[in-house]
């Protein structure tokens, strides 16, 4: 397959899109701010007790939480409001891959499929000339 015309343009747009996604993720990670690709969560190994509204950290300390756990999932809480629970910065790899790779690839495949179908229909409908 030769990359000519609109395919070359599509490849340029895709590479620009990947660079933009990587730039946003790198910016969020380096500034340690939460956003599209970076989020804060509790350290791995922390257990939460809904009944006592407390968290047991990986080092064994039990900490009373300010926010109510009942009716919330752990990722719905703002862990910046809990000073005794050190939050960890995490990168949402799945979201970055979906937006950076899968979205452009599926769009590209859909456009290629529409192009293939339309050229096939045009060949069928086009009258054959006598040679």
Protein backbone atom coordinates (compact mmCIF):
# COMPACT_ATOMS: atom_id res chain seq x y z
CA UNK A 1 0.00 0.00 0.00
CA UNK A 2 1.46 3.33 -1.01
CA UNK A 3 1.02 6.27 1.33
CA UNK A 4 -0.13 8.88 -1.16
CA UNK A 5 -2.55 11.76 -0.91
CA UNK A 6 -5.06 11.54 1.88
CA UNK A 7 -3.40 8.47 3.43
CA UNK A 8 -0.19 10.45 3.91
CA UNK A 9 -2.22 13.29 5.42
CA UNK A 10 -3.98 10.81 7.73
CA UNK A 11 -0.63 9.44 8.89
CA UNK A 12 0.61 12.97 9.65
CA UNK A 13 -2.57 13.72 11.63
CA UNK A 14 -2.24 10.46 13.55
CA UNK A 15 1.40 11.07 14.49
CA UNK A 16 0.49 14.63 15.53
CA UNK A 17 -2.37 13.25 17.63
CA UNK A 18 -0.07 10.75 19.40
CA UNK A 19 2.45 13.52 20.09
CA UNK A 20 -0.31 15.72 21.54
CA UNK A 21 -1.60 12.93 23.81
CA UNK A 22 1.94 12.18 25.01
CA UNK A 23 2.58 15.89 25.62
CA UNK A 24 -0.56 16.33 27.72
CA UNK A 25 0.20 13.19 29.76
CA UNK A 26 3.82 14.29 30.29
CA UNK A 27 2.74 17.78 31.33
CA UNK A 28 0.21 16.43 33.84
CA UNK A 29 2.77 13.99 35.26
CA UNK A 30 5.56 16.56 35.56
CA UNK A 31 3.36 19.19 37.23
CA UNK A 32 1.83 16.50 39.47
CA UNK A 33 -1.65 17.77 38.69
CA UNK A 34 -4.67 15.60 38.12
CA UNK A 35 -6.37 15.77 34.76
CA UNK A 36 -7.24 13.56 31.82
CA UNK A 37 -4.40 11.05 32.13
CA UNK A 38 -3.08 11.52 35.69
CA UNK A 39 -5.02 10.87 38.89
CA UNK A 40 -4.32 10.52 42.58
CA UNK A 41 -5.14 7.36 44.48
CA UNK A 42 -4.28 5.62 47.73
CA UNK A 43 -1.10 3.56 48.01
CA UNK A 44 -1.23 -0.08 46.99
CA UNK A 45 -1.96 -2.24 50.03
CA UNK A 46 -4.18 0.28 51.83
CA UNK A 47 -7.35 -1.28 53.19
CA UNK A 48 -10.50 0.74 53.83
CA UNK A 49 -13.07 0.00 56.50
CA UNK A 50 -16.48 1.49 55.73
CA UNK A 51 -17.96 0.76 59.16
CA UNK A 52 -15.31 2.63 61.15
CA UNK A 53 -14.58 5.10 58.32
CA UNK A 54 -10.86 4.43 58.58
CA UNK A 55 -7.95 3.34 56.42
CA UNK A 56 -5.13 0.97 57.32
CA UNK A 57 -1.98 2.02 55.48
CA UNK A 58 0.59 -0.45 54.12
CA UNK A 59 2.91 0.31 57.08
CA UNK A 60 0.16 -0.81 59.52
CA UNK A 61 -1.02 2.59 60.78
CA UNK A 62 -4.77 3.04 61.10
CA UNK A 63 -5.98 6.51 60.14
CA UNK A 64 -9.42 8.04 60.71
CA UNK A 65 -10.79 9.60 57.51
CA UNK A 66 -12.53 12.98 57.26
CA UNK A 67 -14.68 11.97 54.31
CA UNK A 68 -17.45 9.40 54.57
CA UNK A 69 -16.70 6.13 52.78
CA UNK A 70 -20.29 4.90 52.88
CA UNK A 71 -21.92 5.18 49.48
CA UNK A 72 -18.66 6.05 47.69
CA UNK A 73 -16.07 4.07 45.84
CA UNK A 74 -12.42 4.75 46.77
CA UNK A 75 -11.67 6.41 43.44
CA UNK A 76 -14.56 8.85 43.92
CA UNK A 77 -13.01 10.43 47.01
CA UNK A 78 -10.68 13.40 46.88
CA UNK A 79 -7.57 12.00 48.56
CA UNK A 80 -5.97 15.46 48.68
CA UNK A 81 -8.37 16.27 51.55
CA UNK A 82 -6.91 13.43 53.61
CA UNK A 83 -3.51 14.71 54.83
CA UNK A 84 -2.66 11.57 56.81
CA UNK A 85 -3.14 9.28 53.82
CA UNK A 86 -0.34 9.88 51.34
CA UNK A 87 -1.83 9.81 47.88
CA UNK A 88 0.11 8.37 44.98
CA UNK A 89 0.20 9.81 41.47
CA UNK A 90 -0.92 7.29 38.82
CA UNK A 91 -1.03 7.43 35.03
CA UNK A 92 -4.20 6.18 33.31
CA UNK A 93 -2.47 4.03 30.68
CA UNK A 94 -5.66 2.48 29.31
CA UNK A 95 -7.23 5.88 28.71
CA UNK A 96 -4.07 7.15 27.02
CA UNK A 97 -3.91 4.09 24.76
CA UNK A 98 -7.61 4.32 23.89
CA UNK A 99 -7.38 7.99 22.99
CA UNK A 100 -3.92 7.88 21.48
CA UNK A 101 -4.04 4.67 19.46
CA UNK A 102 -7.44 3.01 19.27
CA UNK A 103 -9.53 6.08 18.44
CA UNK A 104 -7.42 7.11 15.42
CA UNK A 105 -6.97 3.51 14.24
CA UNK A 106 -10.68 2.68 14.34
CA UNK A 107 -11.47 5.98 12.62
CA UNK A 108 -8.89 5.20 9.95
CA UNK A 109 -10.30 1.69 9.41
CA UNK A 110 -13.82 3.10 9.12
CA UNK A 111 -12.70 5.66 6.53
CA UNK A 112 -10.80 2.99 4.57
CA UNK A 113 -13.87 0.72 4.64
CA UNK A 114 -16.16 3.50 3.42
CA UNK A 115 -13.66 4.29 0.64
CA UNK A 116 -13.46 0.63 -0.39
CA UNK A 117 -17.23 0.22 -0.42
CA UNK A 118 -17.81 3.44 -2.36
CA UNK A 119 -15.23 2.57 -5.03
CA UNK A 120 -16.74 -0.92 -5.34
CA UNK A 121 -20.22 0.53 -5.79
CA UNK A 122 -18.89 3.05 -8.31
CA UNK A 123 -17.29 0.24 -10.35
CA UNK A 124 -20.55 -1.73 -10.37
CA UNK A 125 -22.71 1.25 -11.31
CA UNK A 126 -20.31 2.72 -13.91
CA UNK A 127 -21.35 1.63 -17.41
CA UNK A 128 -18.84 -0.47 -19.27
CA UNK A 129 -17.51 1.18 -22.36
CA UNK A 130 -17.12 -0.81 -25.55
CA UNK A 131 -13.50 -1.26 -26.46
